Amino acid sequence: MNKKAMELSINFIVTLIITIVVFALGIVFVQKIFKVADDAVEPLDEQTEMQLDNALARGEIVALPSNYKEIKRGSKEVLGFGLGISNQLQTAKDFEVLVKLSTAVDEYGNVFSDLDMDAGSWGTFAKPHTYSIENNGIKKIPLSFKLPRGTDKGTYVFNLYVCYGGDPENYNEICNEIDAPNLYDIAPQIRIKVV
């Protein structure tokens, strides 16, 4: 075999391998960018902020001013809700917010039997989030939901648990699963209707 032909073949193979590696790294980089964009939390809008302020000023310890939204099947829209917590426990506390998919019914009222009960596939609360709140302080938290791919039409109901740690005084089994055994309050259920 000709020496120049052999060099050309080796150079081509090396160039091809480098090109494939750079292309693969580019794909990984782009996926990471889109993953960060998918996990983005929608900030609270001005109206929701005012509604939370009013509800917490009235003495509610957990406020969820809007708990129902509709979205078209296959939509990439992010649905935003606002959750407010007022610490009335006479001491600074760390609160855990946990979202659990409770139930879902199809458009005819039949309960989905093979429902994946992982609320994390819907948005920002794949695991509990911790919020430190001073005594008599408040925290306004944006909650974002995004339809998982292939979501069927129907109404999906989510429970929001606001829990805190310490000695069990208001024990709750679900809160205990996340090492914050006390239930502060359950916010009204969030209902998302997929049309």
N, C-alpha and C. Protein backbone atom coordinates (compact mmCIF):
# COMPACT_ATOMS: atom_id res chain seq x y z
N MET A 1 0.84 -1.17 0.00
CA MET A 1 0.00 0.00 0.00
C MET A 1 0.90 1.24 0.00
N ASN A 2 0.46 2.26 -0.65
CA ASN A 2 1.19 3.51 -0.78
C ASN A 2 1.22 4.23 0.57
N LYS A 3 2.41 4.77 0.94
CA LYS A 3 2.59 5.43 2.23
C LYS A 3 1.71 6.68 2.34
N LYS A 4 1.59 7.46 1.27
CA LYS A 4 0.76 8.67 1.27
C LYS A 4 -0.72 8.32 1.42
N ALA A 5 -1.12 7.25 0.80
CA ALA A 5 -2.51 6.82 0.92
C ALA A 5 -2.82 6.39 2.35
N MET A 6 -1.84 5.72 2.99
CA MET A 6 -2.01 5.28 4.37
C MET A 6 -2.12 6.51 5.30
N GLU A 7 -1.30 7.53 5.12
CA GLU A 7 -1.37 8.74 5.91
C GLU A 7 -2.71 9.45 5.74
N LEU A 8 -3.18 9.49 4.48
CA LEU A 8 -4.48 10.12 4.19
C LEU A 8 -5.60 9.39 4.92
N SER A 9 -5.57 8.07 4.93
CA SER A 9 -6.60 7.28 5.60
C SER A 9 -6.57 7.51 7.11
N ILE A 10 -5.37 7.53 7.70
CA ILE A 10 -5.25 7.75 9.14
C ILE A 10 -5.72 9.15 9.50
N ASN A 11 -5.32 10.15 8.72
CA ASN A 11 -5.77 11.53 8.97
C ASN A 11 -7.29 11.65 8.89
N PHE A 12 -7.88 10.97 7.91
CA PHE A 12 -9.34 11.00 7.75
C PHE A 12 -10.03 10.38 8.96
N ILE A 13 -9.51 9.25 9.43
CA ILE A 13 -10.11 8.56 10.58
C ILE A 13 -10.00 9.41 11.84
N VAL A 14 -8.82 10.02 12.07
CA VAL A 14 -8.63 10.87 13.24
C VAL A 14 -9.58 12.07 13.18
N THR A 15 -9.68 12.69 12.02
CA THR A 15 -10.59 13.83 11.85
C THR A 15 -12.04 13.40 12.08
N LEU A 16 -12.41 12.27 11.58
CA LEU A 16 -13.77 11.75 11.75
C LEU A 16 -14.07 11.51 13.24
N ILE A 17 -13.13 10.92 13.98
CA ILE A 17 -13.33 10.66 15.41
C ILE A 17 -13.47 11.97 16.17
N ILE A 18 -12.61 12.94 15.89
CA ILE A 18 -12.69 14.24 16.56
C ILE A 18 -14.02 14.91 16.26
N THR A 19 -14.48 14.83 15.03
CA THR A 19 -15.76 15.42 14.64
C THR A 19 -16.92 14.78 15.40
N ILE A 20 -16.91 13.48 15.52
CA ILE A 20 -17.97 12.76 16.23
C ILE A 20 -17.98 13.15 17.71
N VAL A 21 -16.79 13.24 18.33
CA VAL A 21 -16.71 13.62 19.74
C VAL A 21 -17.23 15.04 19.95
N VAL A 22 -16.83 15.99 19.10
CA VAL A 22 -17.30 17.37 19.23
C VAL A 22 -18.81 17.44 19.03
N PHE A 23 -19.34 16.70 18.06
CA PHE A 23 -20.78 16.67 17.81
C PHE A 23 -21.53 16.12 19.03
N ALA A 24 -21.02 15.04 19.64
CA ALA A 24 -21.67 14.44 20.81
C ALA A 24 -21.65 15.42 21.99
N LEU A 25 -20.53 16.10 22.20
CA LEU A 25 -20.46 17.09 23.27
C LEU A 25 -21.44 18.24 23.03
N GLY A 26 -21.59 18.63 21.78
CA GLY A 26 -22.56 19.68 21.44
C GLY A 26 -23.98 19.26 21.77
N ILE A 27 -24.33 18.03 21.49
CA ILE A 27 -25.67 17.51 21.80
C ILE A 27 -25.90 17.52 23.31
N VAL A 28 -24.91 17.05 24.08
CA VAL A 28 -25.04 17.04 25.54
C VAL A 28 -25.21 18.46 26.07
N PHE A 29 -24.45 19.40 25.55
CA PHE A 29 -24.53 20.80 25.97
C PHE A 29 -25.92 21.38 25.70
N VAL A 30 -26.46 21.14 24.51
CA VAL A 30 -27.78 21.64 24.15
C VAL A 30 -28.86 21.02 25.04
N GLN A 31 -28.74 19.72 25.33
CA GLN A 31 -29.71 19.07 26.21
C GLN A 31 -29.69 19.68 27.60
N LYS A 32 -28.51 20.00 28.11
CA LYS A 32 -28.42 20.63 29.43
C LYS A 32 -29.07 22.00 29.43
N ILE A 33 -28.91 22.75 28.37
CA ILE A 33 -29.54 24.07 28.28
C ILE A 33 -31.06 23.93 28.30
N PHE A 34 -31.60 22.98 27.52
CA PHE A 34 -33.05 22.79 27.49
C PHE A 34 -33.56 22.24 28.81
N LYS A 35 -32.79 21.42 29.50
CA LYS A 35 -33.21 20.88 30.80
C LYS A 35 -33.33 22.02 31.81
N VAL A 36 -32.38 22.95 31.82
CA VAL A 36 -32.45 24.10 32.72
C VAL A 36 -33.68 24.93 32.39
N ALA A 37 -33.97 25.11 31.10
CA ALA A 37 -35.15 25.88 30.69
C ALA A 37 -36.44 25.18 31.13
N ASP A 38 -36.47 23.85 31.06
CA ASP A 38 -37.66 23.10 31.49
C ASP A 38 -37.91 23.23 32.98
N ASP A 39 -36.83 23.35 33.78
CA ASP A 39 -36.97 23.43 35.22
C ASP A 39 -37.21 24.85 35.72
N ALA A 40 -37.30 25.80 34.80
CA ALA A 40 -37.45 27.20 35.20
C ALA A 40 -38.79 27.40 35.92
N VAL A 41 -38.75 28.25 36.92
CA VAL A 41 -39.95 28.57 37.69
C VAL A 41 -40.49 29.90 37.20
N GLU A 42 -41.77 29.93 36.92
CA GLU A 42 -42.42 31.16 36.51
C GLU A 42 -42.54 32.07 37.74
N PRO A 43 -42.11 33.32 37.64
CA PRO A 43 -42.25 34.22 38.79
C PRO A 43 -43.73 34.56 39.02
N LEU A 44 -44.02 35.00 40.24
CA LEU A 44 -45.39 35.39 40.56
C LEU A 44 -45.73 36.69 39.84
N ASP A 45 -46.94 36.74 39.28
CA ASP A 45 -47.36 37.99 38.63
C ASP A 45 -47.90 38.94 39.71
N GLU A 46 -48.10 40.19 39.32
CA GLU A 46 -48.52 41.23 40.26
C GLU A 46 -49.87 40.91 40.91
N GLN A 47 -50.81 40.40 40.13
CA GLN A 47 -52.13 40.07 40.66
C GLN A 47 -52.04 38.97 41.72
N THR A 48 -51.26 37.93 41.44
CA THR A 48 -51.10 36.84 42.40
C THR A 48 -50.42 37.34 43.67
N GLU A 49 -49.43 38.20 43.51
CA GLU A 49 -48.75 38.79 44.69
C GLU A 49 -49.76 39.52 45.57
N MET A 50 -50.63 40.33 44.95
CA MET A 50 -51.64 41.07 45.72
C MET A 50 -52.62 40.13 46.40
N GLN A 51 -53.06 39.09 45.68
CA GLN A 51 -53.99 38.12 46.26
C GLN A 51 -53.36 37.41 47.46
N LEU A 52 -52.08 37.05 47.34
CA LEU A 52 -51.39 36.40 48.45
C LEU A 52 -51.27 37.36 49.64
N ASP A 53 -50.89 38.59 49.37
CA ASP A 53 -50.78 39.59 50.44
C ASP A 53 -52.11 39.74 51.18
N ASN A 54 -53.20 39.85 50.43
CA ASN A 54 -54.53 40.00 51.05
C ASN A 54 -54.92 38.79 51.89
N ALA A 55 -54.68 37.59 51.35
CA ALA A 55 -55.05 36.36 52.07
C ALA A 55 -54.22 36.22 53.35
N LEU A 56 -52.94 36.50 53.28
CA LEU A 56 -52.09 36.38 54.46
C LEU A 56 -52.40 37.47 55.48
N ALA A 57 -52.78 38.65 55.00
CA ALA A 57 -53.16 39.75 55.91
C ALA A 57 -54.45 39.42 56.65
N ARG A 58 -55.33 38.61 56.03
CA ARG A 58 -56.59 38.20 56.68
C ARG A 58 -56.34 37.13 57.75
N GLY A 59 -55.12 36.64 57.85
CA GLY A 59 -54.80 35.66 58.88
C GLY A 59 -54.67 34.23 58.39
N GLU A 60 -54.79 34.00 57.09
CA GLU A 60 -54.59 32.65 56.59
C GLU A 60 -53.13 32.26 56.80
N ILE A 61 -52.89 31.03 57.25
CA ILE A 61 -51.50 30.61 57.46
C ILE A 61 -50.91 29.99 56.20
N VAL A 62 -51.77 29.44 55.35
CA VAL A 62 -51.37 28.94 54.04
C VAL A 62 -52.41 29.45 53.04
N ALA A 63 -51.92 30.13 52.02
CA ALA A 63 -52.84 30.72 51.04
C ALA A 63 -52.50 30.24 49.63
N LEU A 64 -53.55 29.93 48.89
CA LEU A 64 -53.43 29.56 47.48
C LEU A 64 -54.61 30.23 46.77
N PRO A 65 -54.41 31.49 46.32
CA PRO A 65 -55.55 32.26 45.81
C PRO A 65 -56.19 31.68 44.55
N SER A 66 -55.42 31.07 43.71
CA SER A 66 -55.97 30.48 42.49
C SER A 66 -55.55 29.01 42.47
N ASN A 67 -56.53 28.12 42.35
CA ASN A 67 -56.17 26.70 42.40
C ASN A 67 -56.71 25.89 41.22
N TYR A 68 -57.14 26.57 40.15
CA TYR A 68 -57.68 25.85 38.99
C TYR A 68 -57.21 26.53 37.71
N LYS A 69 -56.69 25.72 36.79
CA LYS A 69 -56.31 26.23 35.47
C LYS A 69 -56.57 25.15 34.43
N GLU A 70 -56.83 25.61 33.21
CA GLU A 70 -57.01 24.71 32.07
C GLU A 70 -55.84 24.88 31.11
N ILE A 71 -55.52 23.79 30.42
CA ILE A 71 -54.44 23.82 29.45
C ILE A 71 -54.77 22.83 28.33
N LYS A 72 -54.36 23.17 27.12
CA LYS A 72 -54.60 22.26 25.99
C LYS A 72 -53.61 21.12 26.02
N ARG A 73 -54.10 19.93 25.67
CA ARG A 73 -53.25 18.74 25.62
C ARG A 73 -52.09 18.99 24.66
N GLY A 74 -50.89 18.65 25.07
CA GLY A 74 -49.71 18.81 24.23
C GLY A 74 -49.07 20.19 24.34
N SER A 75 -49.68 21.09 25.10
CA SER A 75 -49.15 22.44 25.24
C SER A 75 -47.82 22.43 25.99
N LYS A 76 -46.95 23.35 25.63
CA LYS A 76 -45.66 23.51 26.31
C LYS A 76 -45.73 24.64 27.34
N GLU A 77 -46.91 25.24 27.50
CA GLU A 77 -47.10 26.35 28.43
C GLU A 77 -46.81 25.89 29.87
N VAL A 78 -46.26 26.79 30.65
CA VAL A 78 -46.03 26.54 32.06
C VAL A 78 -47.15 27.22 32.84
N LEU A 79 -47.84 26.44 33.67
CA LEU A 79 -48.92 26.97 34.49
C LEU A 79 -48.35 27.41 35.83
N GLY A 80 -48.61 28.65 36.20
CA GLY A 80 -48.07 29.18 37.45
C GLY A 80 -49.16 29.39 38.50
N PHE A 81 -48.86 29.00 39.72
CA PHE A 81 -49.73 29.21 40.87
C PHE A 81 -48.89 29.89 41.95
N GLY A 82 -49.53 30.56 42.88
CA GLY A 82 -48.81 31.19 43.97
C GLY A 82 -49.23 30.60 45.31
N LEU A 83 -48.25 30.26 46.13
CA LEU A 83 -48.50 29.72 47.47
C LEU A 83 -47.90 30.68 48.48
N GLY A 84 -48.66 31.03 49.51
CA GLY A 84 -48.17 31.90 50.57
C GLY A 84 -48.19 31.16 51.89
N ILE A 85 -47.13 31.36 52.68
CA ILE A 85 -47.04 30.73 54.01
C ILE A 85 -46.75 31.83 55.03
N SER A 86 -47.52 31.85 56.10
CA SER A 86 -47.29 32.78 57.20
C SER A 86 -46.89 31.97 58.43
N ASN A 87 -45.70 32.23 58.96
CA ASN A 87 -45.21 31.48 60.12
C ASN A 87 -45.82 32.04 61.40
N GLN A 88 -46.74 31.30 61.98
CA GLN A 88 -47.40 31.69 63.23
C GLN A 88 -47.04 30.72 64.37
N LEU A 89 -45.85 30.12 64.30
CA LEU A 89 -45.45 29.10 65.28
C LEU A 89 -44.64 29.66 66.44
N GLN A 90 -44.53 30.97 66.54
CA GLN A 90 -43.84 31.66 67.65
C GLN A 90 -42.33 31.46 67.64
N THR A 91 -41.77 30.93 66.56
CA THR A 91 -40.32 30.78 66.41
C THR A 91 -40.00 30.60 64.93
N ALA A 92 -38.78 30.92 64.55
CA ALA A 92 -38.36 30.71 63.16
C ALA A 92 -38.40 29.21 62.86
N LYS A 93 -38.85 28.87 61.68
CA LYS A 93 -38.96 27.46 61.29
C LYS A 93 -38.57 27.26 59.83
N ASP A 94 -38.14 26.04 59.54
CA ASP A 94 -37.95 25.61 58.16
C ASP A 94 -39.21 24.86 57.75
N PHE A 95 -39.83 25.31 56.68
CA PHE A 95 -41.04 24.66 56.17
C PHE A 95 -40.70 23.88 54.91
N GLU A 96 -41.30 22.71 54.80
CA GLU A 96 -41.14 21.87 53.61
C GLU A 96 -42.45 21.91 52.84
N VAL A 97 -42.34 22.17 51.54
CA VAL A 97 -43.52 22.17 50.68
C VAL A 97 -43.43 20.94 49.79
N LEU A 98 -44.44 20.12 49.84
CA LEU A 98 -44.48 18.88 49.09
C LEU A 98 -45.75 18.86 48.24
N VAL A 99 -45.61 18.49 46.98
CA VAL A 99 -46.74 18.39 46.06
C VAL A 99 -46.91 16.92 45.69
N LYS A 100 -48.12 16.42 45.88
CA LYS A 100 -48.42 15.02 45.52
C LYS A 100 -49.63 14.98 44.62
N LEU A 101 -49.50 14.23 43.54
CA LEU A 101 -50.64 14.00 42.66
C LEU A 101 -51.61 13.09 43.39
N SER A 102 -52.82 13.58 43.62
CA SER A 102 -53.80 12.87 44.42
C SER A 102 -54.64 11.92 43.58
N THR A 103 -55.21 12.47 42.52
CA THR A 103 -56.09 11.66 41.67
C THR A 103 -56.23 12.35 40.32
N ALA A 104 -56.76 11.63 39.39
CA ALA A 104 -57.05 12.20 38.07
C ALA A 104 -58.23 11.44 37.47
N VAL A 105 -59.09 12.20 36.80
CA VAL A 105 -60.24 11.60 36.13
C VAL A 105 -60.22 12.03 34.67
N ASP A 106 -60.67 11.13 33.80
CA ASP A 106 -60.71 11.49 32.39
C ASP A 106 -61.89 12.42 32.11
N GLU A 107 -62.05 12.80 30.86
CA GLU A 107 -63.09 13.77 30.51
C GLU A 107 -64.51 13.25 30.75
N TYR A 108 -64.65 11.93 30.99
CA TYR A 108 -65.97 11.34 31.23
C TYR A 108 -66.20 11.05 32.72
N GLY A 109 -65.24 11.42 33.57
CA GLY A 109 -65.38 11.22 35.00
C GLY A 109 -64.82 9.92 35.52
N ASN A 110 -64.21 9.11 34.65
CA ASN A 110 -63.61 7.85 35.08
C ASN A 110 -62.23 8.09 35.66
N VAL A 111 -61.93 7.48 36.81
CA VAL A 111 -60.63 7.64 37.45
C VAL A 111 -59.58 6.87 36.66
N PHE A 112 -58.46 7.53 36.38
CA PHE A 112 -57.35 6.85 35.71
C PHE A 112 -56.81 5.79 36.65
N SER A 113 -56.70 4.56 36.16
CA SER A 113 -56.23 3.48 37.04
C SER A 113 -54.72 3.29 36.96
N ASP A 114 -54.11 3.63 35.84
CA ASP A 114 -52.67 3.42 35.68
C ASP A 114 -51.89 4.72 35.80
N LEU A 115 -52.37 5.60 36.65
CA LEU A 115 -51.80 6.93 36.80
C LEU A 115 -50.46 6.87 37.52
N ASP A 116 -49.46 7.54 36.95
CA ASP A 116 -48.17 7.70 37.61
C ASP A 116 -48.35 8.79 38.65
N MET A 117 -48.24 8.46 39.91
CA MET A 117 -48.53 9.40 41.00
C MET A 117 -47.35 10.30 41.34
N ASP A 118 -46.34 10.36 40.51
CA ASP A 118 -45.18 11.21 40.76
C ASP A 118 -45.46 12.62 40.27
N ALA A 119 -45.67 13.54 41.19
CA ALA A 119 -45.95 14.93 40.82
C ALA A 119 -44.73 15.60 40.22
N GLY A 120 -43.56 15.06 40.47
CA GLY A 120 -42.34 15.66 39.97
C GLY A 120 -42.26 15.73 38.47
N SER A 121 -42.94 14.82 37.78
CA SER A 121 -42.92 14.86 36.32
C SER A 121 -43.73 16.03 35.78
N TRP A 122 -44.48 16.70 36.65
CA TRP A 122 -45.30 17.85 36.26
C TRP A 122 -44.60 19.17 36.46
N GLY A 123 -43.48 19.19 37.14
CA GLY A 123 -42.86 20.49 37.32
C GLY A 123 -41.79 20.56 38.37
N THR A 124 -41.85 21.62 39.14
CA THR A 124 -40.73 22.01 39.99
C THR A 124 -40.64 21.26 41.31
N PHE A 125 -41.60 20.46 41.65
CA PHE A 125 -41.60 19.87 42.98
C PHE A 125 -41.41 18.36 42.95
N ALA A 126 -40.35 17.92 42.25
CA ALA A 126 -40.04 16.50 42.22
C ALA A 126 -39.68 16.00 43.62
N LYS A 127 -39.10 16.87 44.43
CA LYS A 127 -38.82 16.57 45.82
C LYS A 127 -39.20 17.79 46.65
N PRO A 128 -39.30 17.63 47.95
CA PRO A 128 -39.73 18.75 48.79
C PRO A 128 -38.76 19.93 48.69
N HIS A 129 -39.30 21.11 48.81
CA HIS A 129 -38.50 22.34 48.84
C HIS A 129 -38.57 22.91 50.25
N THR A 130 -37.43 23.39 50.75
CA THR A 130 -37.36 23.93 52.10
C THR A 130 -37.32 25.45 52.04
N TYR A 131 -38.11 26.08 52.91
CA TYR A 131 -38.16 27.54 53.00
C TYR A 131 -38.03 27.93 54.47
N SER A 132 -37.03 28.74 54.78
CA SER A 132 -36.85 29.24 56.14
C SER A 132 -37.68 30.52 56.30
N ILE A 133 -38.51 30.54 57.33
CA ILE A 133 -39.37 31.70 57.56
C ILE A 133 -39.23 32.11 59.03
N GLU A 134 -38.92 33.37 59.24
CA GLU A 134 -38.81 33.92 60.59
C GLU A 134 -40.18 33.93 61.28
N ASN A 135 -40.18 34.04 62.61
CA ASN A 135 -41.41 34.14 63.36
C ASN A 135 -42.23 35.33 62.85
N ASN A 136 -43.50 35.10 62.59
CA ASN A 136 -44.43 36.08 62.04
C ASN A 136 -44.05 36.56 60.64
N GLY A 137 -43.13 35.87 60.00
CA GLY A 137 -42.74 36.21 58.64
C GLY A 137 -43.61 35.49 57.63
N ILE A 138 -43.53 35.93 56.40
CA ILE A 138 -44.28 35.28 55.32
C ILE A 138 -43.33 34.94 54.17
N LYS A 139 -43.75 33.97 53.39
CA LYS A 139 -43.01 33.58 52.20
C LYS A 139 -44.01 33.36 51.08
N LYS A 140 -43.73 33.99 49.93
CA LYS A 140 -44.58 33.79 48.75
C LYS A 140 -43.79 32.93 47.77
N ILE A 141 -44.38 31.81 47.37
CA ILE A 141 -43.67 30.81 46.60
C ILE A 141 -44.37 30.58 45.26
N PRO A 142 -43.64 30.71 44.15
CA PRO A 142 -44.23 30.36 42.87
C PRO A 142 -44.20 28.84 42.66
N LEU A 143 -45.29 28.29 42.21
CA LEU A 143 -45.39 26.87 41.87
C LEU A 143 -45.63 26.77 40.37
N SER A 144 -44.79 26.03 39.68
CA SER A 144 -44.93 25.90 38.23
C SER A 144 -45.25 24.46 37.87
N PHE A 145 -46.17 24.30 36.94
CA PHE A 145 -46.55 22.98 36.45
C PHE A 145 -46.45 22.97 34.93
N LYS A 146 -45.91 21.90 34.40
CA LYS A 146 -45.80 21.72 32.95
C LYS A 146 -46.29 20.31 32.62
N LEU A 147 -47.10 20.22 31.59
CA LEU A 147 -47.65 18.91 31.22
C LEU A 147 -46.54 17.94 30.82
N PRO A 148 -46.55 16.75 31.42
CA PRO A 148 -45.63 15.72 30.92
C PRO A 148 -46.06 15.29 29.52
N ARG A 149 -45.13 14.88 28.72
CA ARG A 149 -45.43 14.42 27.37
C ARG A 149 -46.43 13.26 27.42
N GLY A 150 -47.43 13.32 26.57
CA GLY A 150 -48.41 12.24 26.47
C GLY A 150 -49.51 12.27 27.51
N THR A 151 -49.68 13.39 28.20
CA THR A 151 -50.73 13.50 29.22
C THR A 151 -52.10 13.42 28.57
N ASP A 152 -52.95 12.55 29.11
CA ASP A 152 -54.30 12.39 28.59
C ASP A 152 -55.20 13.53 29.03
N LYS A 153 -56.28 13.74 28.27
CA LYS A 153 -57.28 14.73 28.66
C LYS A 153 -57.92 14.29 29.97
N GLY A 154 -58.23 15.26 30.81
CA GLY A 154 -58.85 14.96 32.09
C GLY A 154 -58.51 16.04 33.11
N THR A 155 -58.92 15.80 34.34
CA THR A 155 -58.64 16.72 35.43
C THR A 155 -57.68 16.04 36.41
N TYR A 156 -56.59 16.72 36.70
CA TYR A 156 -55.54 16.20 37.58
C TYR A 156 -55.56 17.02 38.87
N VAL A 157 -55.59 16.32 40.01
CA VAL A 157 -55.73 16.97 41.31
C VAL A 157 -54.45 16.73 42.11
N PHE A 158 -53.88 17.83 42.60
CA PHE A 158 -52.64 17.77 43.38
C PHE A 158 -52.88 18.27 44.79
N ASN A 159 -52.33 17.57 45.78
CA ASN A 159 -52.36 18.03 47.17
C ASN A 159 -51.05 18.73 47.47
N LEU A 160 -51.13 19.86 48.16
CA LEU A 160 -49.95 20.60 48.63
C LEU A 160 -49.86 20.44 50.13
N TYR A 161 -48.75 19.94 50.60
CA TYR A 161 -48.54 19.77 52.03
C TYR A 161 -47.48 20.77 52.48
N VAL A 162 -47.78 21.50 53.52
CA VAL A 162 -46.80 22.41 54.12
C VAL A 162 -46.46 21.80 55.48
N CYS A 163 -45.21 21.37 55.63
CA CYS A 163 -44.78 20.62 56.81
C CYS A 163 -43.64 21.34 57.50
N TYR A 164 -43.40 20.98 58.77
CA TYR A 164 -42.24 21.51 59.48
C TYR A 164 -41.70 20.45 60.42
N GLY A 165 -40.45 20.61 60.80
CA GLY A 165 -39.78 19.64 61.65
C GLY A 165 -40.00 19.92 63.12
N GLY A 166 -39.28 19.17 63.95
CA GLY A 166 -39.37 19.33 65.39
C GLY A 166 -40.11 18.17 66.01
N ASP A 167 -40.38 18.30 67.31
CA ASP A 167 -41.10 17.24 68.02
C ASP A 167 -42.51 17.10 67.44
N PRO A 168 -42.95 15.85 67.24
CA PRO A 168 -44.29 15.66 66.68
C PRO A 168 -45.37 16.25 67.58
N GLU A 169 -46.03 17.28 67.08
CA GLU A 169 -47.15 17.88 67.79
C GLU A 169 -48.39 17.88 66.91
N ASN A 170 -48.18 17.85 65.60
CA ASN A 170 -49.28 17.80 64.64
C ASN A 170 -48.86 16.79 63.56
N TYR A 171 -48.61 15.54 64.02
CA TYR A 171 -48.01 14.50 63.20
C TYR A 171 -48.83 14.22 61.94
N ASN A 172 -48.11 14.04 60.83
CA ASN A 172 -48.74 13.67 59.58
C ASN A 172 -47.84 12.65 58.88
N GLU A 173 -48.42 11.55 58.42
CA GLU A 173 -47.65 10.47 57.81
C GLU A 173 -46.88 10.94 56.56
N ILE A 174 -47.52 11.72 55.71
CA ILE A 174 -46.86 12.18 54.49
C ILE A 174 -45.71 13.12 54.83
N CYS A 175 -45.93 14.01 55.78
CA CYS A 175 -44.85 14.91 56.21
C CYS A 175 -43.71 14.11 56.83
N ASN A 176 -44.02 13.07 57.57
CA ASN A 176 -42.99 12.26 58.22
C ASN A 176 -42.08 11.60 57.18
N GLU A 177 -42.62 11.29 56.01
CA GLU A 177 -41.81 10.68 54.94
C GLU A 177 -40.66 11.58 54.52
N ILE A 178 -40.79 12.89 54.72
CA ILE A 178 -39.74 13.83 54.31
C ILE A 178 -39.02 14.42 55.53
N ASP A 179 -39.08 13.72 56.66
CA ASP A 179 -38.40 14.12 57.90
C ASP A 179 -38.86 15.47 58.44
N ALA A 180 -40.08 15.83 58.18
CA ALA A 180 -40.70 17.03 58.76
C ALA A 180 -42.07 16.58 59.24
N PRO A 181 -42.13 15.91 60.41
CA PRO A 181 -43.33 15.14 60.77
C PRO A 181 -44.60 15.94 61.06
N ASN A 182 -44.51 17.26 61.15
CA ASN A 182 -45.68 18.04 61.53
C ASN A 182 -46.33 18.70 60.33
N LEU A 183 -47.63 18.56 60.24
CA LEU A 183 -48.39 19.21 59.18
C LEU A 183 -48.77 20.60 59.65
N TYR A 184 -48.32 21.62 58.93
CA TYR A 184 -48.69 23.00 59.26
C TYR A 184 -50.09 23.27 58.73
N ASP A 185 -50.28 22.95 57.47
CA ASP A 185 -51.60 23.10 56.88
C ASP A 185 -51.58 22.47 55.49
N ILE A 186 -52.73 22.09 55.03
CA ILE A 186 -52.88 21.62 53.65
C ILE A 186 -53.53 22.75 52.87
N ALA A 187 -52.87 23.16 51.81
CA ALA A 187 -53.46 24.18 50.96
C ALA A 187 -54.60 23.55 50.18
N PRO A 188 -55.51 24.37 49.66
CA PRO A 188 -56.55 23.80 48.79
C PRO A 188 -55.89 23.03 47.65
N GLN A 189 -56.56 22.05 47.18
CA GLN A 189 -56.00 21.25 46.09
C GLN A 189 -55.86 22.08 44.82
N ILE A 190 -54.80 21.79 44.07
CA ILE A 190 -54.63 22.39 42.76
C ILE A 190 -55.27 21.46 41.74
N ARG A 191 -56.08 22.02 40.88
CA ARG A 191 -56.74 21.24 39.83
C ARG A 191 -56.29 21.78 38.48
N ILE A 192 -55.80 20.87 37.66
CA ILE A 192 -55.39 21.22 36.30
C ILE A 192 -56.22 20.38 35.34
N LYS A 193 -56.97 21.08 34.49
CA LYS A 193 -57.80 20.39 33.51
C LYS A 193 -57.11 20.42 32.15
N VAL A 194 -56.88 19.24 31.61
CA VAL A 194 -56.25 19.11 30.28
C VAL A 194 -57.37 18.91 29.28
N VAL A 195 -57.50 19.85 28.34
CA VAL A 195 -58.60 19.79 27.36
C VAL A 195 -58.07 19.48 25.97
